[in-house]
C-alpha cells in the first residue's frame, strides 16, 4: 500500500489524502493499458523513495554539498570541452 508519511509517528494512506487514480475516457484500450502501467510504475517509485527515506542507513546530502559536487563536475566538463586535462 502506498502511504504518505506526515510525521515520524503518523502514516496515512494516500487515498485518504484525496489522491485518486487516473480517470477519464482513454482513446483506446491500449491507452488504458499505458495509463495503468505508468500509474503502477509511478506508485512503485514513490513507495521505493519513501522506503529509502525511512531507512536509517540512508545518506543525506546537504544542498551545499550537492552544489559543490555539481560545480566540480561542471568545471571538469568545461575543461574537457576546452581540451584541458582535469
Protein backbone atom coordinates (compact mmCIF):
# COMPACT_ATOMS: atom_id res chain seq x y z
CA UNK A 1 0.00 0.00 0.00
CA UNK A 2 1.29 3.46 -0.86
CA UNK A 3 1.31 5.79 2.11
CA UNK A 4 2.25 9.36 2.89
CA UNK A 5 4.33 9.94 5.96
CA UNK A 6 3.10 13.09 7.70
CA UNK A 7 5.43 12.70 10.67
CA UNK A 8 7.56 10.00 12.23
CA UNK A 9 4.52 8.63 14.04
CA UNK A 10 1.64 9.19 11.61
CA UNK A 11 1.12 7.15 8.45
CA UNK A 12 -1.90 7.97 6.29
CA UNK A 13 -2.90 6.01 3.17
CA UNK A 14 -2.59 8.24 0.12
CA UNK A 15 -6.20 7.51 -0.82
CA UNK A 16 -7.29 9.24 2.40
CA UNK A 17 -5.45 12.38 1.29
CA UNK A 18 -7.65 12.69 -1.79
CA UNK A 19 -5.20 11.19 -4.29
CA UNK A 20 -7.29 9.40 -6.88
CA UNK A 21 -6.34 7.07 -9.71
CA UNK A 22 -6.16 8.44 -13.24
CA UNK A 23 -9.66 8.62 -14.64
CA UNK A 24 -11.28 9.67 -17.88
CA UNK A 25 -12.07 8.07 -21.18
CA UNK A 26 -8.88 6.95 -22.91
CA UNK A 27 -8.63 6.95 -26.67
CA UNK A 28 -8.21 3.17 -26.88
CA UNK A 29 -7.79 0.03 -24.77
CA UNK A 30 -4.06 0.27 -25.48
CA UNK A 31 -4.05 3.75 -23.94
CA UNK A 32 -5.82 2.37 -20.85
CA UNK A 33 -3.06 -0.20 -20.52
CA UNK A 34 -0.38 2.52 -20.88
CA UNK A 35 -2.01 4.68 -18.20
CA UNK A 36 -2.37 1.75 -15.81
CA UNK A 37 1.21 0.65 -16.47
CA UNK A 38 2.53 4.17 -15.86
CA UNK A 39 0.42 4.65 -12.75
CA UNK A 40 1.67 1.35 -11.31
CA UNK A 41 5.28 2.26 -12.11
CA UNK A 42 4.85 5.72 -10.57
CA UNK A 43 3.33 4.37 -7.36
CA UNK A 44 6.12 1.79 -7.07
CA UNK A 45 8.73 4.54 -7.48
CA UNK A 46 7.05 6.64 -4.77
CA UNK A 47 7.00 3.64 -2.43
CA UNK A 48 10.70 2.95 -3.12
CA UNK A 49 11.52 6.59 -2.37
CA UNK A 50 9.58 6.55 0.88
CA UNK A 51 11.22 3.29 1.93
CA UNK A 52 14.67 4.69 1.15
CA UNK A 53 13.90 7.92 3.03
CA UNK A 54 12.82 5.91 6.09
CA UNK A 55 15.95 3.72 6.04
CA UNK A 56 18.27 4.76 8.89
CA UNK A 57 21.27 3.89 6.68
CA UNK A 58 20.27 6.41 4.01
CA UNK A 59 22.98 9.01 3.50
CA UNK A 60 21.52 12.50 3.21
CA UNK A 61 23.36 15.13 1.19
CA UNK A 62 23.11 18.81 2.08
CA UNK A 63 22.29 21.40 -0.56
CA UNK A 64 25.77 22.92 -0.18
CA UNK A 65 27.45 19.54 -0.65
CA UNK A 66 25.36 18.82 -3.77
CA UNK A 67 26.14 22.25 -5.23
CA UNK A 68 29.88 21.79 -4.62
CA UNK A 69 29.79 18.37 -6.27
CA UNK A 70 27.96 19.65 -9.35
CA UNK A 71 30.26 22.69 -9.61
CA UNK A 72 33.26 20.36 -9.66
CA UNK A 73 31.64 18.20 -12.36
CA UNK A 74 30.73 21.27 -14.45
CA UNK A 75 34.31 22.54 -14.21
CA UNK A 76 35.68 19.15 -15.27
CA UNK A 77 33.31 19.00 -18.26
CA UNK A 78 34.18 22.55 -19.34
CA UNK A 79 37.86 21.69 -19.09
CA UNK A 80 37.30 18.59 -21.25
CA UNK A 81 35.40 20.64 -23.83
CA UNK A 82 38.29 23.15 -23.91
CA UNK A 83 40.81 20.34 -24.39
CA UNK A 84 42.34 20.71 -20.98
CA UNK A 85 43.22 17.74 -18.84
CA UNK A 86 41.46 17.79 -15.49
